[in-house]
Amino acid sequence: GSIEYELSSDQPPVVLVLGNSVNEAVQAAVRVAMLAAGRSDVPPCKLGEAQDLILVQKLLPAARDALRSMPAAPFDQVCDSAGKLNVWSTVESLFQSPKIYDDVIARRLTVQGAYCDVKTGKVQFLGEHPAQQGLLEKGRPLDVVRTASDPPVPPLEALCSLAVGNRRYTQGVGGEQGESYALKALAGGGQLPAAVVLGCADSRAPVEIYFDMQPGDLFVLRTAGNTIEGGF
């Protein structure tokens, strides 16, 4: 989304994932983890029914890992550990982006972690993910396939995805560059499709793929419900 757009536009050499202390969402996740482990020495939660908040649920794995590594540590210390572990979790999520993965592999980009103590303003630079080499050796991530179970995409993120995709295409680094030669030929030589296909606008029905056709082979009309008006 937004990060890929910025990387495609200006190609900054560093992405810094910055965590911070006194983070109420991290504190809520640690509180949930500590109570589940039988600890009672935890302060009250400022976020109401924290265990039901989606953000807290996402932070729970880091909170549990922090508590597991220091089961007798006081609340604030566990929170700091969980905040730093969440930095690494975020870095791992970034590596699921094909754009970010490719840039890191090509050494155009480094992804670094950092942690800020909000009481002093001091930032601790953590460096690259301690298991970065192993993460990269897993291979290039596949583009995510959206299904009906995924949450809605925010409007600005959807627009950024279109802009980033077009920028990749125009720079010759898109996912289907084998077809670029055909598109360039069609742009200069005109089109003469072999058939017209009237289909539904369903996103799961890519017509050219279904018929194993190249750009220029089909004239595709897609409408909701595969319907047309009676008059022409």
Protein backbone atom coordinates (compact mmCIF):
# COMPACT_ATOMS: atom_id res chain seq x y z
CA GLY A 1 0.00 0.00 0.00
CA SER A 2 1.41 3.33 1.13
CA ILE A 3 4.94 2.06 1.84
CA GLU A 4 5.24 0.40 -1.57
CA TYR A 5 4.01 3.61 -3.22
CA GLU A 6 6.67 5.69 -1.50
CA LEU A 7 9.37 3.15 -2.34
CA SER A 8 8.31 3.15 -5.99
CA SER A 9 8.16 6.96 -6.15
CA ASP A 10 11.31 8.12 -4.36
CA GLN A 11 13.20 4.89 -3.51
CA PRO A 12 14.44 5.89 -0.03
CA PRO A 13 17.23 3.52 1.07
CA VAL A 14 15.94 2.90 4.62
CA VAL A 15 12.65 1.83 6.19
CA LEU A 16 12.78 2.28 9.96
CA VAL A 17 10.22 0.39 12.05
CA LEU A 18 9.93 2.39 15.27
CA GLY A 19 8.38 1.00 18.44
CA ASN A 20 7.92 3.00 21.61
CA SER A 21 7.56 2.57 25.34
CA VAL A 22 4.40 3.43 27.32
CA ASN A 23 2.29 2.10 24.45
CA GLU A 24 -1.23 1.53 25.77
CA ALA A 25 -2.06 -1.14 23.20
CA VAL A 26 1.10 -3.11 24.06
CA GLN A 27 0.37 -2.66 27.75
CA ALA A 28 -3.15 -4.00 27.26
CA ALA A 29 -1.85 -7.05 25.40
CA VAL A 30 0.73 -7.74 28.11
CA ARG A 31 -1.96 -7.40 30.77
CA VAL A 32 -4.12 -9.97 28.99
CA ALA A 33 -1.14 -12.34 28.65
CA MET A 34 -0.09 -11.95 32.29
CA LEU A 35 -3.61 -12.50 33.64
CA ALA A 36 -3.96 -15.61 31.47
CA ALA A 37 -0.68 -16.87 32.97
CA GLY A 38 -2.01 -16.40 36.50
CA ARG A 39 -0.17 -13.17 37.29
CA SER A 40 -2.06 -10.67 39.46
CA ASP A 41 0.58 -7.92 39.73
CA VAL A 42 -0.70 -5.98 36.73
CA PRO A 43 -2.10 -2.44 36.61
CA PRO A 44 -5.67 -1.75 35.47
CA CYS A 45 -6.28 -1.51 31.74
CA LYS A 46 -6.96 1.90 30.16
CA LEU A 47 -8.62 0.44 27.06
CA GLY A 48 -11.78 -1.09 28.52
CA GLU A 49 -12.40 -4.66 27.36
CA ALA A 50 -8.93 -4.82 25.84
CA GLN A 51 -9.01 -8.52 25.01
CA ASP A 52 -11.77 -7.82 22.50
CA LEU A 53 -9.90 -5.12 20.57
CA ILE A 54 -8.48 -6.25 17.22
CA LEU A 55 -5.24 -4.29 17.77
CA VAL A 56 -4.67 -5.94 21.13
CA GLN A 57 -5.31 -9.37 19.60
CA LYS A 58 -2.63 -8.67 17.00
CA LEU A 59 -0.16 -7.73 19.73
CA LEU A 60 -0.88 -10.75 21.92
CA PRO A 61 1.71 -13.06 20.24
CA ALA A 62 4.50 -10.57 21.05
CA ALA A 63 3.17 -10.15 24.59
CA ARG A 64 3.07 -13.91 25.16
CA ASP A 65 6.55 -14.41 23.74
CA ALA A 66 7.90 -11.64 25.97
CA LEU A 67 6.28 -13.13 29.05
CA ARG A 68 7.50 -16.60 28.14
CA SER A 69 11.09 -15.33 27.94
CA MET A 70 10.87 -13.54 31.31
CA PRO A 71 8.05 -15.12 33.31
CA ALA A 72 8.94 -13.42 36.61
CA ALA A 73 9.75 -9.95 35.21
CA PRO A 74 7.73 -6.91 36.30
CA PHE A 75 4.98 -5.51 34.09
CA ASP A 76 6.94 -2.58 32.60
CA GLN A 77 9.88 -4.79 31.65
CA VAL A 78 7.63 -7.27 29.90
CA CYS A 79 5.98 -4.39 28.04
CA ASP A 80 9.33 -3.12 26.77
CA SER A 81 10.28 -6.60 25.60
CA ALA A 82 6.90 -7.05 23.89
CA GLY A 83 7.25 -3.69 22.17
CA LYS A 84 10.62 -4.67 20.72
CA LEU A 85 9.34 -8.10 19.66
CA ASN A 86 6.48 -6.37 17.89
CA VAL A 87 9.01 -4.31 15.94
CA TRP A 88 10.46 -7.57 14.59
CA SER A 89 6.99 -8.92 13.90
CA THR A 90 6.28 -5.81 11.83
CA VAL A 91 9.54 -6.25 9.91
CA GLU A 92 8.53 -9.84 9.13
CA SER A 93 5.20 -8.56 7.80
CA LEU A 94 7.01 -6.06 5.57
CA PHE A 95 9.04 -8.87 4.05
CA GLN A 96 5.75 -10.34 2.81
CA SER A 97 5.61 -7.49 0.30
CA PRO A 98 7.17 -8.58 -3.03
CA LYS A 99 8.32 -5.00 -3.63
CA ILE A 100 10.10 -4.71 -0.28
CA TYR A 101 11.54 -8.23 -0.57
CA ASP A 102 12.96 -7.50 -4.03
CA ASP A 103 14.48 -4.19 -2.93
CA VAL A 104 16.14 -5.77 0.13
CA ILE A 105 17.53 -8.65 -1.96
CA ALA A 106 18.89 -6.16 -4.52
CA ARG A 107 20.39 -4.06 -1.68
CA ARG A 108 18.38 -1.04 -2.76
CA LEU A 109 16.73 -1.01 0.66
CA THR A 110 17.48 -1.90 4.25
CA VAL A 111 14.74 -2.44 6.82
CA GLN A 112 15.84 -1.53 10.34
CA GLY A 113 14.22 -1.70 13.77
CA ALA A 114 14.32 0.93 16.50
CA TYR A 115 12.73 1.54 19.89
CA CYS A 116 12.00 4.91 21.48
CA ASP A 117 11.85 5.60 25.21
CA VAL A 118 9.13 8.25 25.28
CA LYS A 119 10.18 9.42 28.76
CA THR A 120 13.66 10.44 27.59
CA GLY A 121 13.21 10.72 23.84
CA LYS A 122 16.19 8.42 23.32
CA VAL A 123 15.96 6.05 20.37
CA GLN A 124 17.69 2.67 20.50
CA PHE A 125 18.61 1.48 17.01
CA LEU A 126 18.15 -2.28 16.82
CA GLY A 127 19.57 -2.93 13.36
CA GLU A 128 18.25 -5.48 10.89
CA HIS A 129 15.99 -8.35 11.90
CA PRO A 130 18.18 -10.88 13.75
CA ALA A 131 16.84 -13.66 11.50
CA GLN A 132 16.74 -11.62 8.28
CA GLN A 133 18.91 -14.00 6.27
CA GLY A 134 16.65 -16.92 7.07
CA LEU A 135 13.53 -14.90 6.25
CA LEU A 136 14.92 -13.93 2.86
CA GLU A 137 16.00 -17.49 2.10
CA LYS A 138 12.36 -18.57 2.22
CA GLY A 139 12.01 -17.05 -1.24
CA ARG A 140 10.01 -14.29 -2.81
CA PRO A 141 6.54 -13.98 -1.29
CA LEU A 142 3.56 -14.49 -3.56
CA ASP A 143 1.18 -11.63 -4.14
CA VAL A 144 -1.77 -11.84 -1.77
CA VAL A 145 -5.00 -13.17 -3.24
CA ARG A 146 -8.00 -11.37 -1.77
CA THR A 147 -11.05 -13.43 -0.82
CA ALA A 148 -14.43 -12.68 0.71
CA SER A 149 -13.03 -13.34 4.19
CA ASP A 150 -10.57 -10.42 3.96
CA PRO A 151 -11.45 -7.03 5.49
CA PRO A 152 -12.42 -4.15 3.18
CA VAL A 153 -9.54 -2.17 1.71
CA PRO A 154 -9.51 1.51 2.78
CA PRO A 155 -10.10 3.83 -0.22
CA LEU A 156 -6.67 5.50 -0.07
CA GLU A 157 -4.89 2.14 0.21
CA ALA A 158 -6.80 0.82 -2.82
CA LEU A 159 -5.83 3.89 -4.83
CA CYS A 160 -2.19 3.53 -3.76
CA SER A 161 -2.22 -0.11 -4.87
CA LEU A 162 -3.35 0.92 -8.35
CA ALA A 163 -0.72 3.66 -8.54
CA VAL A 164 2.05 1.34 -7.35
CA GLY A 165 1.01 -1.40 -9.77
CA ASN A 166 1.02 0.99 -12.71
CA ARG A 167 4.42 2.34 -11.69
CA ARG A 168 5.83 -1.21 -11.55
CA TYR A 169 4.41 -1.88 -15.01
CA THR A 170 5.78 1.30 -16.59
CA GLN A 171 9.20 0.66 -15.04
CA GLY A 172 9.31 -2.86 -16.44
CA VAL A 173 9.18 -4.68 -13.10
CA GLY A 174 5.56 -5.83 -13.06
CA GLY A 175 4.51 -9.41 -12.51
CA GLU A 176 3.44 -10.10 -16.12
CA GLN A 177 6.15 -8.39 -18.13
CA GLY A 178 6.15 -11.20 -20.68
CA GLU A 179 3.10 -9.52 -22.22
CA SER A 180 4.65 -6.05 -22.47
CA TYR A 181 5.88 -6.60 -26.01
CA ALA A 182 2.33 -7.42 -27.14
CA LEU A 183 0.87 -4.34 -25.48
CA LYS A 184 3.46 -2.10 -27.10
CA ALA A 185 2.74 -3.67 -30.50
CA LEU A 186 -0.99 -3.15 -30.02
CA ALA A 187 -0.48 0.47 -29.03
CA GLY A 188 1.19 1.20 -32.38
CA GLY A 189 -0.48 -1.32 -34.69
CA GLY A 190 -4.12 -1.25 -33.63
CA GLN A 191 -6.30 -4.18 -32.56
CA LEU A 192 -8.06 -6.99 -34.43
CA PRO A 193 -9.51 -9.33 -31.77
CA ALA A 194 -10.64 -12.82 -32.73
CA ALA A 195 -13.76 -12.81 -30.56
CA VAL A 196 -16.01 -10.76 -28.35
CA VAL A 197 -16.70 -12.09 -24.86
CA LEU A 198 -19.55 -10.71 -22.80
CA GLY A 199 -18.99 -11.72 -19.20
CA CYS A 200 -19.81 -10.87 -15.63
CA ALA A 201 -17.76 -8.28 -13.76
CA ASP A 202 -16.93 -10.91 -11.12
CA SER A 203 -13.31 -10.37 -9.98
CA ARG A 204 -12.78 -14.15 -9.85
CA ALA A 205 -13.35 -14.58 -13.60
CA PRO A 206 -10.26 -13.34 -15.50
CA VAL A 207 -11.43 -13.91 -19.06
CA GLU A 208 -8.08 -13.86 -20.86
CA ILE A 209 -6.63 -16.37 -18.39
CA TYR A 210 -9.62 -18.72 -18.67
CA PHE A 211 -9.22 -18.90 -22.46
CA ASP A 212 -5.40 -18.77 -22.46
CA MET A 213 -5.46 -15.67 -24.66
CA GLN A 214 -2.95 -12.87 -25.09
CA PRO A 215 -3.60 -9.11 -25.07
CA GLY A 216 -5.33 -8.24 -28.34
CA ASP A 217 -6.98 -11.65 -28.83
CA LEU A 218 -10.30 -10.79 -27.18
CA PHE A 219 -12.64 -7.83 -26.97
CA VAL A 220 -14.01 -8.22 -23.45
CA LEU A 221 -17.19 -6.57 -22.16
CA ARG A 222 -17.90 -7.09 -18.48
CA THR A 223 -21.09 -6.03 -16.71
CA ALA A 224 -22.66 -6.84 -13.37
CA GLY A 225 -24.63 -10.07 -13.71
CA ASN A 226 -23.65 -10.50 -17.35
CA THR A 227 -26.65 -8.45 -18.51
CA ILE A 228 -27.24 -6.03 -21.38
CA GLU A 229 -30.09 -3.67 -22.21
CA GLY A 230 -32.69 -4.76 -24.74
CA GLY A 231 -32.03 -1.85 -27.10
CA PHE A 232 -28.74 -1.01 -28.76
